Amino acid sequence: MKNFLSGARTRPIKPQGVRPKTATAAIALAKSQAYQDAADAESTLKAYASDLAHFEAWCKKHGFPAAEPDPAIVGAYLAAAGEGYAPATLRRRVAAIARAFGMAGHPLDTKHPAIRETLRGIARRHGARPRRAAALTAAEIRMICAVCDQSLPGVRDRALILLGFAGAFRRSELVALDVEHIVWTREGMTILIERSKTDKAGEGAEIAIPSGSSPETCPVTALKAWLQKAKIASGPLFRKIGKGGRVAARRLSADAVRSILLARAKQAGFKSKWQEPVSPHSLRAGFVTTAYGNGVPDEEIMRHTRHKSLATMRSYVRRSKLSTSSPAGKIGL
């Protein structure tokens, strides 16, 4: 089963024993490989590759054949890892293993009791409430942005955080933005999101972000200040800043967004809770929570956040809902 997932690439499915007889056929096979590679996000493929390597190493250590799609072996692997990993992680590992077997032409029955019931048993016995990102409020965003000075990193970080919050962006969406995706308007700006996590077909989405009421926290003002100070006219919107204050040509990585936000939150004295830590998703969760608390209708929030499911979007509604809708406040105490 080796090399079915190598790095962030997938192995192409080729006709067995058939060689392309024409250049057109060879090109078609190459295109098929490219499309297979693009079927999942790069981060998903990297996670799958890591999961598969872990499974193969476990099989080798314990003398199991990793190349056979045997549900009993996968079930034993899950049982061995049960207490050390969250159920969601184990489900992803099953998906990675099943994908590898499927690419090899040997489908794995993931609904077999050896797999399905093992996962259910692990969740029942060892499952715990999953951690979720803290939902940052507008006041907390102001507090974090206040520590961003007028240096290049400070101006960039303020723009990154304010835009991430106002646009309810995922970090992958933020770092994928180019200057060409921004259209300045009288009210503020519109931003084209070419592709996102839930936009598998690449249809794209456009959202409007109006100017804020305060210059210190206006995402439009912050973004203009960053582009002007960094002298960026085209290409990646948010970039690395090297030694000597040199703005790099390449864009920030998704991991860099996390590092920047955590560093600024710590600098501002913001203390994370274990159950709800600060993460890049705190910007998106905070937008939904704040908008809900301010009475914005569900459909308007979903249109802005690009959520496909109302249930998923409402799962972000935390502090505002707890503080205003709890029945404990309606029993006359």
Protein backbone atom coordinates (compact mmCIF):
# COMPACT_ATOMS: atom_id res chain seq x y z
CA MET A 1 0.00 0.00 0.00
CA LYS A 2 3.05 2.20 -0.02
CA ASN A 3 3.10 5.40 -2.08
CA PHE A 4 -0.68 5.46 -2.53
CA LEU A 5 -0.43 8.75 -0.71
CA SER A 6 2.97 10.33 -1.11
CA GLY A 7 3.34 13.72 0.50
CA ALA A 8 0.28 15.63 -0.67
CA ARG A 9 -0.29 13.69 -3.89
CA THR A 10 -2.58 10.83 -4.79
CA ARG A 11 -1.74 7.87 -6.95
CA PRO A 12 -3.49 7.95 -10.33
CA ILE A 13 -5.91 5.23 -11.29
CA LYS A 14 -4.69 3.88 -14.62
CA PRO A 15 -6.17 1.22 -16.89
CA GLN A 16 -4.55 -2.04 -15.84
CA GLY A 17 -2.24 -3.47 -18.52
CA VAL A 18 -3.14 -0.76 -21.04
CA ARG A 19 -0.65 1.67 -22.53
CA PRO A 20 -1.84 4.80 -24.30
CA LYS A 21 -1.43 4.36 -28.04
CA THR A 22 -1.68 8.03 -28.91
CA ALA A 23 -0.32 11.30 -27.57
CA THR A 24 -3.89 12.44 -26.93
CA ALA A 25 -4.52 9.42 -24.72
CA ALA A 26 -1.29 10.00 -22.80
CA ILE A 27 -2.26 13.64 -22.22
CA ALA A 28 -5.70 12.55 -21.05
CA LEU A 29 -4.14 10.22 -18.47
CA ALA A 30 -1.86 13.00 -17.25
CA LYS A 31 -4.85 15.34 -16.93
CA SER A 32 -6.69 12.66 -15.00
CA GLN A 33 -3.81 12.58 -12.50
CA ALA A 34 -3.91 16.36 -12.16
CA TYR A 35 -7.65 16.33 -11.51
CA GLN A 36 -7.27 13.56 -8.94
CA ASP A 37 -4.64 15.63 -7.18
CA ALA A 38 -7.03 18.60 -7.11
CA ALA A 39 -10.00 16.61 -5.77
CA ASP A 40 -9.11 17.38 -2.14
CA ALA A 41 -7.51 20.30 -0.38
CA GLU A 42 -3.74 20.18 0.07
CA SER A 43 -4.14 20.18 3.86
CA THR A 44 -6.54 17.23 3.67
CA LEU A 45 -4.12 15.20 1.58
CA LYS A 46 -1.25 15.95 3.95
CA ALA A 47 -3.35 14.80 6.90
CA TYR A 48 -4.31 11.62 5.01
CA ALA A 49 -0.66 10.93 4.19
CA SER A 50 0.30 11.27 7.86
CA ASP A 51 -2.60 9.05 8.94
CA LEU A 52 -1.71 6.35 6.43
CA ALA A 53 1.94 6.36 7.48
CA HIS A 54 0.85 5.89 11.09
CA PHE A 55 -1.34 2.92 10.13
CA GLU A 56 1.41 1.30 8.06
CA ALA A 57 3.94 1.72 10.87
CA TRP A 58 1.54 0.14 13.37
CA CYS A 59 0.88 -2.81 11.06
CA LYS A 60 4.60 -3.36 10.50
CA LYS A 61 5.34 -3.22 14.23
CA HIS A 62 2.67 -5.80 15.09
CA GLY A 63 3.05 -8.10 12.11
CA PHE A 64 -0.18 -7.26 10.31
CA PRO A 65 -0.29 -7.03 6.48
CA ALA A 66 -0.98 -3.37 5.75
CA ALA A 67 -1.76 -4.07 2.11
CA GLU A 68 -4.91 -6.11 2.78
CA PRO A 69 -8.27 -4.32 3.18
CA ASP A 70 -9.20 -6.37 6.24
CA PRO A 71 -11.74 -4.58 8.50
CA ALA A 72 -10.57 -6.66 11.47
CA ILE A 73 -7.04 -5.27 11.14
CA VAL A 74 -8.34 -1.70 10.86
CA GLY A 75 -10.59 -2.33 13.87
CA ALA A 76 -7.63 -3.58 15.91
CA TYR A 77 -5.64 -0.50 14.89
CA LEU A 78 -8.47 1.77 16.04
CA ALA A 79 -8.80 -0.08 19.33
CA ALA A 80 -5.08 0.30 20.01
CA ALA A 81 -5.28 4.04 19.37
CA GLY A 82 -8.67 4.53 21.00
CA GLU A 83 -7.66 6.17 24.27
CA GLY A 84 -5.05 8.48 22.77
CA TYR A 85 -6.99 10.18 19.99
CA ALA A 86 -10.26 12.04 19.58
CA PRO A 87 -13.01 10.12 17.77
CA ALA A 88 -12.92 12.67 14.94
CA THR A 89 -9.22 11.94 14.40
CA LEU A 90 -9.89 8.21 14.26
CA ARG A 91 -12.70 8.70 11.74
CA ARG A 92 -10.34 10.72 9.57
CA ARG A 93 -7.77 7.93 9.78
CA VAL A 94 -10.35 5.43 8.60
CA ALA A 95 -11.10 7.76 5.66
CA ALA A 96 -7.38 7.95 4.82
CA ILE A 97 -6.95 4.17 4.96
CA ALA A 98 -10.11 3.59 2.90
CA ARG A 99 -8.93 6.11 0.31
CA ALA A 100 -5.59 4.36 -0.06
CA PHE A 101 -7.20 0.95 -0.51
CA GLY A 102 -9.71 2.42 -2.94
CA MET A 103 -6.95 3.98 -5.03
CA ALA A 104 -5.34 0.54 -5.15
CA GLY A 105 -8.55 -0.98 -6.46
CA HIS A 106 -9.30 -2.87 -3.21
CA PRO A 107 -12.24 -1.12 -1.48
CA LEU A 108 -12.41 -1.23 2.30
CA ASP A 109 -15.84 -1.82 3.87
CA THR A 110 -15.87 1.04 6.40
CA LYS A 111 -19.37 0.02 7.57
CA HIS A 112 -18.16 -3.41 8.66
CA PRO A 113 -18.94 -3.98 12.36
CA ALA A 114 -15.22 -4.40 13.12
CA ILE A 115 -14.75 -0.76 12.14
CA ARG A 116 -18.12 0.87 12.75
CA GLU A 117 -18.81 -0.69 16.16
CA THR A 118 -15.24 -0.17 17.32
CA LEU A 119 -15.55 3.54 16.59
CA ARG A 120 -18.91 3.69 18.36
CA GLY A 121 -17.50 1.90 21.39
CA ILE A 122 -14.49 4.21 21.58
CA ALA A 123 -16.73 7.28 21.38
CA ARG A 124 -19.01 5.90 24.09
CA ARG A 125 -16.27 4.93 26.50
CA HIS A 126 -13.58 7.53 25.88
CA GLY A 127 -15.38 10.27 24.00
CA ALA A 128 -15.28 13.78 25.39
CA ARG A 129 -16.81 17.06 24.40
CA PRO A 130 -14.68 18.33 21.50
CA ARG A 131 -12.76 21.52 21.99
CA ARG A 132 -13.89 24.42 19.86
CA ALA A 133 -12.32 27.75 19.07
CA ALA A 134 -13.10 30.69 21.34
CA ALA A 135 -15.55 33.09 19.72
CA LEU A 136 -13.80 36.46 19.87
CA THR A 137 -16.11 39.42 20.43
CA ALA A 138 -15.76 42.83 18.80
CA ALA A 139 -14.42 44.19 22.10
CA GLU A 140 -11.76 41.49 22.22
CA ILE A 141 -10.82 42.16 18.59
CA ARG A 142 -10.31 45.84 19.48
CA MET A 143 -8.15 44.80 22.43
CA ILE A 144 -5.98 42.56 20.24
CA CYS A 145 -5.66 45.14 17.45
CA ALA A 146 -4.64 47.80 19.97
CA VAL A 147 -1.28 46.06 20.48
CA CYS A 148 -0.49 46.22 16.75
CA ASP A 149 1.78 49.23 16.27
CA GLN A 150 2.56 51.20 13.10
CA SER A 151 5.48 48.99 12.07
CA LEU A 152 5.14 46.82 8.96
CA PRO A 153 4.26 43.69 10.99
CA GLY A 154 1.86 45.69 13.14
CA VAL A 155 0.02 47.22 10.19
CA ARG A 156 -0.16 43.84 8.45
CA ASP A 157 -1.38 41.99 11.52
CA ARG A 158 -4.09 44.56 12.24
CA ALA A 159 -5.38 44.30 8.67
CA LEU A 160 -5.23 40.50 8.78
CA ILE A 161 -7.18 40.22 12.03
CA LEU A 162 -9.79 42.86 11.19
CA LEU A 163 -10.41 41.46 7.73
CA GLY A 164 -10.58 37.91 9.08
CA PHE A 165 -13.21 38.96 11.61
CA ALA A 166 -15.28 41.25 9.38
CA GLY A 167 -15.30 38.76 6.50
CA ALA A 168 -15.73 35.65 8.67
CA PHE A 169 -12.82 34.18 6.72
CA ARG A 170 -11.27 30.80 7.17
CA ARG A 171 -7.49 31.12 7.39
CA SER A 172 -7.06 29.25 4.10
CA GLU A 173 -9.32 31.83 2.44
CA LEU A 174 -7.41 34.73 3.97
CA VAL A 175 -4.00 33.66 2.75
CA ALA A 176 -5.36 32.83 -0.73
CA LEU A 177 -6.52 36.41 -1.33
CA ASP A 178 -4.80 38.53 -3.99
CA VAL A 179 -5.00 42.26 -4.54
CA GLU A 180 -6.93 41.50 -7.71
CA HIS A 181 -9.71 39.97 -5.59
CA ILE A 182 -10.44 43.36 -3.98
CA VAL A 183 -12.80 45.94 -5.52
CA TRP A 184 -12.96 49.26 -3.69
CA THR A 185 -16.43 50.78 -3.49
CA ARG A 186 -17.98 53.93 -2.08
CA GLU A 187 -19.27 51.92 0.89
CA GLY A 188 -16.05 49.99 1.47
CA MET A 189 -14.99 46.99 -0.60
CA THR A 190 -16.13 43.73 -2.11
CA ILE A 191 -13.94 40.63 -1.99
CA LEU A 192 -13.96 37.66 -4.34
CA ILE A 193 -13.31 34.31 -2.69
CA GLU A 194 -12.30 32.06 -5.57
CA ARG A 195 -12.46 28.82 -3.63
CA SER A 196 -13.25 27.74 -0.10
CA LYS A 197 -13.60 24.63 2.04
CA THR A 198 -17.28 24.09 1.19
CA ASP A 199 -16.97 25.27 -2.41
CA LYS A 200 -15.78 22.01 -3.96
CA ALA A 201 -16.79 23.04 -7.47
CA GLY A 202 -14.88 26.34 -7.33
CA GLU A 203 -17.92 28.48 -8.06
CA GLY A 204 -16.54 31.29 -5.93
CA ALA A 205 -18.32 33.81 -3.71
CA GLU A 206 -18.33 37.56 -3.35
CA ILE A 207 -18.87 39.34 -0.05
CA ALA A 208 -19.18 43.02 0.81
CA ILE A 209 -17.33 44.61 3.71
CA PRO A 210 -18.38 48.18 4.49
CA SER A 211 -16.19 50.76 6.17
CA GLY A 212 -16.24 50.61 9.95
CA SER A 213 -17.46 53.33 12.28
CA SER A 214 -14.04 53.71 13.94
CA PRO A 215 -10.76 54.30 12.05
CA GLU A 216 -8.92 52.12 14.58
CA THR A 217 -11.01 49.05 13.79
CA CYS A 218 -12.15 49.71 10.22
CA PRO A 219 -11.09 46.72 8.08
CA VAL A 220 -11.15 48.83 4.92
CA THR A 221 -8.86 51.48 6.40
CA ALA A 222 -6.55 48.81 7.85
CA LEU A 223 -6.21 46.97 4.55
CA LYS A 224 -5.49 50.16 2.58
CA ALA A 225 -2.85 51.13 5.15
CA TRP A 226 -1.14 47.73 4.80
CA LEU A 227 -1.07 47.80 1.01
CA GLN A 228 0.27 51.34 1.00
CA LYS A 229 2.96 50.76 3.65
CA ALA A 230 4.05 47.44 2.09
CA LYS A 231 3.89 48.91 -1.43
CA ILE A 232 1.84 45.99 -2.72
CA ALA A 233 0.03 46.68 -6.00
CA SER A 234 -0.73 43.16 -7.18
CA GLY A 235 -0.38 39.52 -6.22
CA PRO A 236 -0.71 37.99 -2.73
CA LEU A 237 -2.49 40.23 -0.26
CA PHE A 238 -0.85 39.08 2.96
CA ARG A 239 2.87 38.30 2.82
CA LYS A 240 5.84 37.36 4.93
CA ILE A 241 8.06 40.12 6.23
CA GLY A 242 11.73 39.20 6.23
CA LYS A 243 14.72 40.54 8.07
CA GLY A 244 15.25 44.23 7.64
CA GLY A 245 11.56 44.82 7.03
CA ARG A 246 11.60 43.46 3.49
CA VAL A 247 8.17 42.37 2.27
CA ALA A 248 8.45 38.99 0.55
CA ALA A 249 6.81 38.15 -2.75
CA ARG A 250 5.22 34.93 -1.47
CA ARG A 251 2.02 34.83 0.54
CA LEU A 252 1.65 33.90 4.19
CA SER A 253 0.96 30.29 5.03
CA ALA A 254 -2.20 29.23 6.82
CA ASP A 255 -0.09 28.29 9.85
CA ALA A 256 1.32 31.82 9.94
CA VAL A 257 -2.19 33.19 10.52
CA ARG A 258 -2.45 31.06 13.64
CA SER A 259 0.97 32.17 14.89
CA ILE A 260 0.18 35.84 14.32
CA LEU A 261 -3.19 35.74 16.06
CA LEU A 262 -1.88 33.77 19.06
CA ALA A 263 1.10 36.11 19.46
CA ARG A 264 -1.06 39.23 19.30
CA ALA A 265 -3.67 37.78 21.68
CA LYS A 266 -0.94 36.90 24.17
CA GLN A 267 0.57 40.36 23.81
CA ALA A 268 -2.84 41.84 24.59
CA GLY A 269 -3.09 39.74 27.73
CA PHE A 270 -5.87 37.55 26.39
CA LYS A 271 -6.02 34.24 28.24
CA SER A 272 -7.32 31.19 26.40
CA LYS A 273 -9.43 28.56 28.08
CA TRP A 274 -8.50 24.93 27.55
CA GLN A 275 -11.98 24.06 26.33
CA GLU A 276 -12.20 27.08 24.00
CA PRO A 277 -8.68 28.13 22.90
CA VAL A 278 -7.95 31.07 20.66
CA SER A 279 -7.31 29.98 17.08
CA PRO A 280 -7.81 31.46 13.59
CA HIS A 281 -11.33 29.98 13.66
CA SER A 282 -12.03 32.31 16.59
CA LEU A 283 -12.42 35.13 14.06
CA ARG A 284 -15.11 33.29 12.12
CA ALA A 285 -16.86 31.96 15.22
CA GLY A 286 -16.72 35.41 16.78
CA PHE A 287 -18.33 37.02 13.75
CA VAL A 288 -21.28 34.60 13.85
CA THR A 289 -21.72 34.95 17.61
CA THR A 290 -21.54 38.75 17.49
CA ALA A 291 -23.85 39.06 14.47
CA TYR A 292 -26.40 36.75 16.10
CA GLY A 293 -26.25 38.73 19.33
CA ASN A 294 -26.90 41.94 17.39
CA GLY A 295 -30.04 40.49 15.84
CA VAL A 296 -28.76 39.80 12.32
CA PRO A 297 -31.09 37.26 10.62
CA ASP A 298 -29.80 33.73 10.03
CA GLU A 299 -30.00 34.00 6.24
CA GLU A 300 -27.89 37.17 6.21
CA ILE A 301 -25.23 35.58 8.41
CA MET A 302 -25.15 32.45 6.24
CA ARG A 303 -24.86 34.48 3.06
CA HIS A 304 -21.88 36.34 4.49
CA THR A 305 -20.14 33.32 6.06
CA ARG A 306 -20.87 31.04 3.07
CA HIS A 307 -22.31 28.33 5.30
CA LYS A 308 -24.31 25.68 3.47
CA SER A 309 -26.01 24.31 6.57
CA LEU A 310 -28.14 26.30 9.02
CA ALA A 311 -27.36 23.74 11.74
CA THR A 312 -23.62 24.18 11.22
CA MET A 313 -23.87 27.97 11.30
CA ARG A 314 -25.99 27.95 14.46
CA SER A 315 -23.44 25.72 16.19
CA TYR A 316 -21.24 28.84 16.36
CA VAL A 317 -23.86 30.82 18.27
CA ARG A 318 -22.42 30.60 21.76
CA ARG A 319 -22.10 33.40 24.27
CA SER A 320 -24.96 35.50 22.91
CA LYS A 321 -27.38 32.57 22.92
CA LEU A 322 -26.32 31.36 26.36
CA SER A 323 -26.71 34.80 27.88
CA THR A 324 -30.02 35.74 26.27
CA SER A 325 -31.90 32.49 25.72
CA SER A 326 -31.18 30.37 28.78
CA PRO A 327 -34.41 29.17 30.43
CA ALA A 328 -32.68 29.58 33.81
CA GLY A 329 -33.25 33.31 33.43
CA LYS A 330 -36.97 32.87 32.93
CA ILE A 331 -38.02 30.99 36.06
CA GLY A 332 -38.39 33.96 38.40
CA LEU A 333 -35.30 33.61 40.56
